[in-house]
N, C-alpha and C. Protein backbone atom coordinates (compact mmCIF):
# COMPACT_ATOMS: atom_id res chain seq x y z
N MET A 1 -12.33 2.58 15.80
CA MET A 1 -11.33 1.88 15.03
C MET A 1 -10.85 2.80 13.91
N LYS A 2 -9.53 2.89 13.71
CA LYS A 2 -9.02 3.74 12.64
C LYS A 2 -9.24 3.07 11.29
N LYS A 3 -9.48 3.91 10.29
CA LYS A 3 -9.72 3.39 8.94
C LYS A 3 -8.38 3.03 8.30
N ILE A 4 -8.28 1.81 7.82
CA ILE A 4 -7.09 1.36 7.12
C ILE A 4 -7.23 1.77 5.67
N LYS A 5 -6.16 2.34 5.11
CA LYS A 5 -6.19 2.80 3.73
C LYS A 5 -5.41 1.83 2.84
N TYR A 6 -5.90 1.72 1.62
CA TYR A 6 -5.27 0.85 0.64
C TYR A 6 -5.01 1.60 -0.66
N VAL A 7 -4.04 1.11 -1.40
CA VAL A 7 -3.72 1.64 -2.72
C VAL A 7 -3.55 0.45 -3.66
N VAL A 8 -3.67 0.72 -4.96
CA VAL A 8 -3.42 -0.30 -5.96
C VAL A 8 -2.14 0.10 -6.70
N CYS A 9 -1.28 -0.87 -6.94
CA CYS A 9 -0.01 -0.62 -7.62
C CYS A 9 -0.24 -0.49 -9.13
N VAL A 10 0.22 0.63 -9.71
CA VAL A 10 0.07 0.85 -11.14
C VAL A 10 1.43 1.00 -11.83
N GLN A 11 2.52 0.93 -11.06
CA GLN A 11 3.87 1.07 -11.61
C GLN A 11 4.83 0.36 -10.65
N ASN A 12 5.78 -0.39 -11.19
CA ASN A 12 6.75 -1.05 -10.32
C ASN A 12 8.17 -1.01 -10.90
N LYS A 13 8.42 -0.03 -11.75
CA LYS A 13 9.73 0.10 -12.39
C LYS A 13 10.85 0.12 -11.34
N GLY A 14 11.77 -0.82 -11.48
CA GLY A 14 12.88 -0.92 -10.55
C GLY A 14 12.60 -1.80 -9.35
N TYR A 15 11.33 -2.21 -9.18
CA TYR A 15 10.93 -3.02 -8.02
C TYR A 15 10.04 -4.19 -8.40
N PRO A 16 10.30 -4.90 -9.50
CA PRO A 16 9.37 -5.95 -9.93
C PRO A 16 9.22 -7.10 -8.94
N ALA A 17 10.23 -7.37 -8.13
CA ALA A 17 10.12 -8.45 -7.14
C ALA A 17 9.41 -7.99 -5.87
N SER A 18 9.35 -6.68 -5.66
CA SER A 18 8.77 -6.15 -4.43
C SER A 18 7.33 -5.69 -4.57
N LEU A 19 6.95 -5.27 -5.78
CA LEU A 19 5.61 -4.74 -6.02
C LEU A 19 4.98 -5.44 -7.22
N GLU A 20 3.75 -5.92 -7.04
CA GLU A 20 3.01 -6.54 -8.13
C GLU A 20 2.01 -5.55 -8.70
N LEU A 21 2.03 -5.39 -10.01
CA LEU A 21 1.07 -4.51 -10.65
C LEU A 21 -0.36 -4.99 -10.39
N ARG A 22 -1.27 -4.04 -10.22
CA ARG A 22 -2.70 -4.28 -10.00
C ARG A 22 -3.00 -4.97 -8.67
N LYS A 23 -2.06 -5.00 -7.75
CA LYS A 23 -2.29 -5.60 -6.44
C LYS A 23 -2.57 -4.51 -5.41
N LEU A 24 -3.44 -4.83 -4.44
CA LEU A 24 -3.72 -3.90 -3.35
C LEU A 24 -2.62 -3.97 -2.29
N TYR A 25 -2.26 -2.81 -1.77
CA TYR A 25 -1.29 -2.72 -0.69
C TYR A 25 -1.84 -1.82 0.40
N GLU A 26 -1.56 -2.19 1.63
CA GLU A 26 -1.97 -1.39 2.78
C GLU A 26 -0.97 -0.24 2.98
N ILE A 27 -1.50 0.94 3.23
CA ILE A 27 -0.67 2.11 3.51
C ILE A 27 -0.40 2.16 5.01
N LEU A 28 0.84 2.43 5.37
CA LEU A 28 1.19 2.69 6.76
C LEU A 28 1.48 4.19 6.88
N PRO A 29 0.88 4.86 7.87
CA PRO A 29 1.07 6.30 7.99
C PRO A 29 2.55 6.67 8.16
N ASP A 30 3.00 7.69 7.42
CA ASP A 30 4.37 8.19 7.52
C ASP A 30 4.38 9.61 6.97
N ALA A 31 4.13 10.57 7.84
CA ALA A 31 4.02 11.97 7.43
C ALA A 31 5.31 12.48 6.80
N ASP A 32 6.47 12.08 7.31
CA ASP A 32 7.74 12.52 6.73
C ASP A 32 7.88 12.04 5.30
N ALA A 33 7.54 10.78 5.05
CA ALA A 33 7.64 10.22 3.70
C ALA A 33 6.71 10.94 2.74
N GLU A 34 5.49 11.19 3.18
CA GLU A 34 4.50 11.85 2.33
C GLU A 34 4.98 13.23 1.90
N GLY A 35 5.72 13.90 2.79
CA GLY A 35 6.27 15.21 2.47
C GLY A 35 7.33 15.17 1.38
N HIS A 36 7.85 13.99 1.11
CA HIS A 36 8.87 13.80 0.08
C HIS A 36 8.33 13.04 -1.14
N GLY A 37 7.00 12.93 -1.24
CA GLY A 37 6.39 12.26 -2.39
C GLY A 37 6.49 10.75 -2.35
N LEU A 38 6.67 10.20 -1.14
CA LEU A 38 6.79 8.76 -0.97
C LEU A 38 5.60 8.22 -0.19
N ILE A 39 5.43 6.92 -0.26
CA ILE A 39 4.36 6.24 0.47
C ILE A 39 4.94 4.97 1.09
N ARG A 40 4.52 4.66 2.31
CA ARG A 40 5.00 3.46 3.00
C ARG A 40 3.95 2.36 2.87
N VAL A 41 4.35 1.25 2.26
CA VAL A 41 3.44 0.11 2.10
C VAL A 41 4.14 -1.17 2.54
N VAL A 42 3.34 -2.18 2.88
CA VAL A 42 3.86 -3.50 3.16
C VAL A 42 3.95 -4.21 1.81
N ASP A 43 5.18 -4.50 1.38
CA ASP A 43 5.36 -5.07 0.05
C ASP A 43 5.43 -6.59 0.07
N GLU A 44 5.89 -7.18 -1.03
CA GLU A 44 5.92 -8.65 -1.17
C GLU A 44 6.86 -9.34 -0.18
N SER A 45 7.79 -8.59 0.41
CA SER A 45 8.69 -9.18 1.40
C SER A 45 7.99 -9.36 2.75
N GLY A 46 6.82 -8.71 2.90
CA GLY A 46 6.10 -8.73 4.17
C GLY A 46 6.54 -7.63 5.11
N GLU A 47 7.49 -6.83 4.67
CA GLU A 47 8.00 -5.69 5.45
C GLU A 47 7.49 -4.40 4.82
N ASP A 48 7.55 -3.31 5.60
CA ASP A 48 7.13 -2.02 5.05
C ASP A 48 8.33 -1.24 4.53
N TYR A 49 8.13 -0.66 3.35
CA TYR A 49 9.17 0.12 2.69
C TYR A 49 8.55 1.34 2.03
N LEU A 50 9.40 2.30 1.69
CA LEU A 50 8.97 3.50 1.00
C LEU A 50 9.10 3.34 -0.51
N TYR A 51 8.07 3.83 -1.21
CA TYR A 51 8.06 3.81 -2.68
C TYR A 51 7.51 5.14 -3.17
N PRO A 52 7.80 5.49 -4.42
CA PRO A 52 7.23 6.73 -4.98
C PRO A 52 5.70 6.69 -4.95
N ARG A 53 5.12 7.78 -4.53
CA ARG A 53 3.65 7.89 -4.42
C ARG A 53 2.97 7.61 -5.76
N ASP A 54 3.61 8.03 -6.86
CA ASP A 54 2.95 7.87 -8.15
C ASP A 54 2.97 6.43 -8.68
N PHE A 55 3.52 5.50 -7.91
CA PHE A 55 3.44 4.08 -8.24
C PHE A 55 2.07 3.51 -7.87
N PHE A 56 1.26 4.29 -7.16
CA PHE A 56 0.01 3.79 -6.59
C PHE A 56 -1.14 4.77 -6.84
N LEU A 57 -2.35 4.20 -6.84
CA LEU A 57 -3.57 4.99 -6.85
C LEU A 57 -4.40 4.57 -5.65
N PRO A 58 -5.02 5.55 -4.96
CA PRO A 58 -5.85 5.20 -3.81
C PRO A 58 -7.09 4.43 -4.23
N ILE A 59 -7.56 3.58 -3.34
CA ILE A 59 -8.75 2.78 -3.63
C ILE A 59 -9.59 2.68 -2.36
N GLU A 60 -10.90 2.82 -2.51
CA GLU A 60 -11.81 2.67 -1.39
C GLU A 60 -12.15 1.18 -1.24
N VAL A 61 -11.90 0.65 -0.07
CA VAL A 61 -12.19 -0.75 0.21
C VAL A 61 -13.34 -0.80 1.22
N PRO A 62 -14.42 -1.50 0.88
CA PRO A 62 -15.54 -1.59 1.82
C PRO A 62 -15.09 -2.17 3.17
N GLU A 63 -15.75 -1.74 4.23
CA GLU A 63 -15.40 -2.18 5.57
C GLU A 63 -15.46 -3.70 5.71
N SER A 64 -16.41 -4.35 5.06
CA SER A 64 -16.53 -5.81 5.15
C SER A 64 -15.28 -6.48 4.59
N ILE A 65 -14.71 -5.93 3.54
CA ILE A 65 -13.48 -6.51 2.96
C ILE A 65 -12.29 -6.23 3.88
N THR A 66 -12.23 -5.03 4.45
CA THR A 66 -11.15 -4.71 5.40
C THR A 66 -11.16 -5.68 6.55
N HIS A 67 -12.34 -6.03 7.07
CA HIS A 67 -12.45 -7.01 8.17
C HIS A 67 -11.99 -8.40 7.70
N ALA A 68 -12.34 -8.77 6.50
CA ALA A 68 -11.91 -10.06 5.96
C ALA A 68 -10.40 -10.13 5.81
N PHE A 69 -9.79 -9.01 5.35
CA PHE A 69 -8.33 -8.94 5.24
C PHE A 69 -7.69 -9.13 6.61
N ALA A 70 -8.25 -8.47 7.63
CA ALA A 70 -7.70 -8.53 8.98
C ALA A 70 -7.76 -9.97 9.54
N LYS A 71 -8.84 -10.68 9.25
CA LYS A 71 -8.97 -12.06 9.72
C LYS A 71 -7.98 -12.99 9.03
N ALA A 72 -7.67 -12.70 7.76
CA ALA A 72 -6.80 -13.57 6.98
C ALA A 72 -5.33 -13.41 7.34
N SER A 73 -4.98 -12.29 7.97
CA SER A 73 -3.56 -12.08 8.26
C SER A 73 -3.14 -12.58 9.61
């Protein structure tokens, strides 16, 4: 099983309706975006969009919590 990565939002300037500060977001792989300093996350709309990488900090989520997230969705 591939490891799902998460980030925590630390900045939402210009996107207050789309990103909640201090909330965890799942990262979706996007090598092209990463090359441009962007990150793809599923935001408050339930869709995935690109945002500046510096809006987020990586966070380690225990596997038990990742499984709980998967069951809840």
